[in-house]
Amino acid sequence: MFPQLPGVAIATVAPALSPLQGGGGFLSLAILFFVLALVAALVGARGIAGLSMEIAKWLILIFLVLAVISLLL
């Protein structure tokens, strides 16, 4: 981005993120699997709907556990 001059070091500082400022991967994936389960249930694919709901349930549980741990630390 900037031209590097000889003998001059450019320090890049990454912003410090708190644990709850991540990408929200677990929660967004859980919502995605929940919506997939609803669509599959409407179409009649009960096996896919059940599996998607189980995955969404586990992702919500993991999200809640990690959120509580990050609030306590």
N, C-alpha and C. Protein backbone atom coordinates (compact mmCIF):
# COMPACT_ATOMS: atom_id res chain seq x y z
N MET A 1 0.82 -1.18 0.00
CA MET A 1 0.00 0.00 0.00
C MET A 1 0.87 1.25 0.00
N PHE A 2 1.80 1.34 0.96
CA PHE A 2 2.71 2.48 1.02
C PHE A 2 4.09 2.03 0.55
N PRO A 3 4.79 2.89 -0.15
CA PRO A 3 6.14 2.49 -0.57
C PRO A 3 7.05 2.36 0.64
N GLN A 4 7.85 1.31 0.67
CA GLN A 4 8.77 1.08 1.78
C GLN A 4 10.07 1.82 1.52
N LEU A 5 10.42 2.69 2.43
CA LEU A 5 11.67 3.42 2.33
C LEU A 5 12.77 2.62 3.01
N PRO A 6 13.98 2.66 2.48
CA PRO A 6 15.07 1.91 3.11
C PRO A 6 15.36 2.45 4.51
N GLY A 7 15.45 1.55 5.48
CA GLY A 7 15.77 1.95 6.84
C GLY A 7 14.56 2.43 7.64
N VAL A 8 13.38 2.43 7.04
CA VAL A 8 12.18 2.88 7.75
C VAL A 8 11.22 1.69 7.86
N ALA A 9 10.87 1.38 9.07
CA ALA A 9 9.95 0.26 9.30
C ALA A 9 8.55 0.82 9.54
N ILE A 10 7.61 0.23 8.88
CA ILE A 10 6.21 0.64 9.06
C ILE A 10 5.54 -0.42 9.91
N ALA A 11 5.04 -0.01 11.06
CA ALA A 11 4.38 -0.94 11.96
C ALA A 11 2.89 -0.96 11.67
N THR A 12 2.36 -2.16 11.53
CA THR A 12 0.93 -2.29 11.36
C THR A 12 0.37 -2.86 12.66
N VAL A 13 -0.62 -2.21 13.18
CA VAL A 13 -1.23 -2.63 14.44
C VAL A 13 -2.63 -3.14 14.14
N ALA A 14 -2.87 -4.38 14.48
CA ALA A 14 -4.20 -4.96 14.29
C ALA A 14 -5.08 -4.54 15.46
N PRO A 15 -6.31 -4.16 15.19
CA PRO A 15 -7.18 -3.77 16.30
C PRO A 15 -7.50 -4.96 17.19
N ALA A 16 -7.51 -4.71 18.48
CA ALA A 16 -7.80 -5.78 19.44
C ALA A 16 -9.31 -6.02 19.47
N LEU A 17 -9.68 -7.27 19.24
CA LEU A 17 -11.09 -7.63 19.24
C LEU A 17 -11.44 -8.30 20.56
N SER A 18 -12.57 -7.96 21.10
CA SER A 18 -13.03 -8.69 22.27
C SER A 18 -13.58 -10.03 21.80
N PRO A 19 -13.73 -11.00 22.69
CA PRO A 19 -14.17 -12.33 22.26
C PRO A 19 -15.54 -12.34 21.58
N LEU A 20 -16.43 -11.41 21.91
CA LEU A 20 -17.76 -11.42 21.33
C LEU A 20 -17.85 -10.65 20.02
N GLN A 21 -16.74 -10.09 19.54
CA GLN A 21 -16.77 -9.33 18.30
C GLN A 21 -16.27 -10.15 17.12
N GLY A 22 -16.43 -11.42 17.18
CA GLY A 22 -15.99 -12.27 16.09
C GLY A 22 -16.96 -12.17 14.92
N GLY A 23 -16.85 -13.09 14.01
CA GLY A 23 -17.73 -13.08 12.86
C GLY A 23 -19.12 -13.62 13.14
N GLY A 24 -19.33 -14.17 14.34
CA GLY A 24 -20.63 -14.73 14.64
C GLY A 24 -20.90 -16.01 13.88
N GLY A 25 -19.87 -16.81 13.69
CA GLY A 25 -19.98 -18.00 12.86
C GLY A 25 -20.98 -19.02 13.36
N PHE A 26 -20.96 -19.32 14.66
CA PHE A 26 -21.86 -20.34 15.19
C PHE A 26 -23.31 -19.90 15.08
N LEU A 27 -23.57 -18.67 15.43
CA LEU A 27 -24.95 -18.20 15.42
C LEU A 27 -25.50 -18.09 14.00
N SER A 28 -24.72 -17.58 13.08
CA SER A 28 -25.20 -17.47 11.71
C SER A 28 -25.38 -18.85 11.07
N LEU A 29 -24.50 -19.79 11.39
CA LEU A 29 -24.67 -21.15 10.87
C LEU A 29 -25.89 -21.82 11.48
N ALA A 30 -26.15 -21.57 12.76
CA ALA A 30 -27.32 -22.15 13.40
C ALA A 30 -28.59 -21.62 12.77
N ILE A 31 -28.64 -20.34 12.48
CA ILE A 31 -29.81 -19.75 11.82
C ILE A 31 -29.96 -20.33 10.42
N LEU A 32 -28.86 -20.52 9.72
CA LEU A 32 -28.90 -21.11 8.38
C LEU A 32 -29.47 -22.52 8.41
N PHE A 33 -29.00 -23.35 9.36
CA PHE A 33 -29.51 -24.72 9.46
C PHE A 33 -30.96 -24.75 9.92
N PHE A 34 -31.36 -23.79 10.75
CA PHE A 34 -32.76 -23.72 11.17
C PHE A 34 -33.67 -23.40 10.00
N VAL A 35 -33.26 -22.43 9.17
CA VAL A 35 -34.04 -22.08 7.99
C VAL A 35 -34.07 -23.26 7.02
N LEU A 36 -32.95 -23.95 6.86
CA LEU A 36 -32.91 -25.14 6.01
C LEU A 36 -33.86 -26.22 6.53
N ALA A 37 -33.91 -26.37 7.85
CA ALA A 37 -34.83 -27.35 8.43
C ALA A 37 -36.28 -26.97 8.17
N LEU A 38 -36.60 -25.69 8.28
CA LEU A 38 -37.97 -25.25 8.02
C LEU A 38 -38.37 -25.48 6.56
N VAL A 39 -37.47 -25.16 5.64
CA VAL A 39 -37.75 -25.35 4.22
C VAL A 39 -37.89 -26.84 3.91
N ALA A 40 -37.02 -27.65 4.48
CA ALA A 40 -37.09 -29.09 4.23
C ALA A 40 -38.37 -29.68 4.82
N ALA A 41 -38.81 -29.17 5.96
CA ALA A 41 -40.05 -29.66 6.56
C ALA A 41 -41.25 -29.27 5.70
N LEU A 42 -41.22 -28.07 5.13
CA LEU A 42 -42.32 -27.65 4.26
C LEU A 42 -42.38 -28.48 2.98
N VAL A 43 -41.22 -28.86 2.47
CA VAL A 43 -41.17 -29.64 1.24
C VAL A 43 -41.53 -31.10 1.53
N GLY A 44 -41.29 -31.55 2.75
CA GLY A 44 -41.63 -32.92 3.11
C GLY A 44 -40.43 -33.82 3.31
N ALA A 45 -39.24 -33.27 3.28
CA ALA A 45 -38.03 -34.06 3.51
C ALA A 45 -37.77 -34.11 5.01
N ARG A 46 -38.42 -35.08 5.68
CA ARG A 46 -38.35 -35.13 7.14
C ARG A 46 -36.96 -35.49 7.65
N GLY A 47 -36.23 -36.32 6.92
CA GLY A 47 -34.89 -36.71 7.36
C GLY A 47 -33.92 -35.54 7.35
N ILE A 48 -33.95 -34.78 6.29
CA ILE A 48 -33.07 -33.60 6.19
C ILE A 48 -33.49 -32.55 7.20
N ALA A 49 -34.80 -32.40 7.40
CA ALA A 49 -35.29 -31.41 8.37
C ALA A 49 -34.84 -31.77 9.78
N GLY A 50 -34.93 -33.04 10.14
CA GLY A 50 -34.51 -33.46 11.47
C GLY A 50 -33.02 -33.31 11.69
N LEU A 51 -32.25 -33.69 10.68
CA LEU A 51 -30.80 -33.56 10.79
C LEU A 51 -30.38 -32.10 10.88
N SER A 52 -31.00 -31.26 10.08
CA SER A 52 -30.67 -29.83 10.10
C SER A 52 -31.04 -29.21 11.44
N MET A 53 -32.16 -29.66 12.01
CA MET A 53 -32.56 -29.13 13.31
C MET A 53 -31.61 -29.57 14.41
N GLU A 54 -31.12 -30.80 14.34
CA GLU A 54 -30.14 -31.27 15.32
C GLU A 54 -28.84 -30.47 15.23
N ILE A 55 -28.39 -30.21 14.01
CA ILE A 55 -27.16 -29.43 13.82
C ILE A 55 -27.36 -28.02 14.35
N ALA A 56 -28.51 -27.42 14.06
CA ALA A 56 -28.79 -26.07 14.55
C ALA A 56 -28.83 -26.04 16.08
N LYS A 57 -29.41 -27.08 16.67
CA LYS A 57 -29.49 -27.15 18.13
C LYS A 57 -28.10 -27.21 18.75
N TRP A 58 -27.22 -28.03 18.19
CA TRP A 58 -25.86 -28.15 18.72
C TRP A 58 -25.06 -26.87 18.53
N LEU A 59 -25.26 -26.20 17.38
CA LEU A 59 -24.53 -24.95 17.15
C LEU A 59 -24.99 -23.86 18.11
N ILE A 60 -26.29 -23.80 18.42
CA ILE A 60 -26.79 -22.84 19.40
C ILE A 60 -26.21 -23.15 20.77
N LEU A 61 -26.16 -24.43 21.12
CA LEU A 61 -25.60 -24.81 22.42
C LEU A 61 -24.12 -24.43 22.52
N ILE A 62 -23.36 -24.69 21.47
CA ILE A 62 -21.94 -24.31 21.47
C ILE A 62 -21.79 -22.80 21.55
N PHE A 63 -22.63 -22.06 20.81
CA PHE A 63 -22.58 -20.60 20.87
C PHE A 63 -22.86 -20.10 22.28
N LEU A 64 -23.87 -20.65 22.93
CA LEU A 64 -24.21 -20.19 24.29
C LEU A 64 -23.11 -20.49 25.29
N VAL A 65 -22.51 -21.68 25.17
CA VAL A 65 -21.41 -22.04 26.08
C VAL A 65 -20.23 -21.10 25.88
N LEU A 66 -19.86 -20.85 24.63
CA LEU A 66 -18.73 -19.95 24.36
C LEU A 66 -19.04 -18.51 24.78
N ALA A 67 -20.30 -18.09 24.62
CA ALA A 67 -20.67 -16.73 25.03
C ALA A 67 -20.56 -16.58 26.55
N VAL A 68 -21.02 -17.58 27.29
CA VAL A 68 -20.92 -17.51 28.76
C VAL A 68 -19.46 -17.55 29.20
N ILE A 69 -18.66 -18.38 28.57
CA ILE A 69 -17.23 -18.45 28.93
C ILE A 69 -16.55 -17.13 28.64
N SER A 70 -16.86 -16.51 27.49
CA SER A 70 -16.20 -15.25 27.15
C SER A 70 -16.67 -14.11 28.06
N LEU A 71 -17.90 -14.19 28.56
CA LEU A 71 -18.37 -13.16 29.49
C LEU A 71 -17.73 -13.32 30.86
N LEU A 72 -17.42 -14.56 31.25
CA LEU A 72 -16.80 -14.80 32.55
C LEU A 72 -15.32 -14.48 32.57
N LEU A 73 -14.66 -14.58 31.42
CA LEU A 73 -13.20 -14.34 31.37
C LEU A 73 -12.87 -12.93 31.12
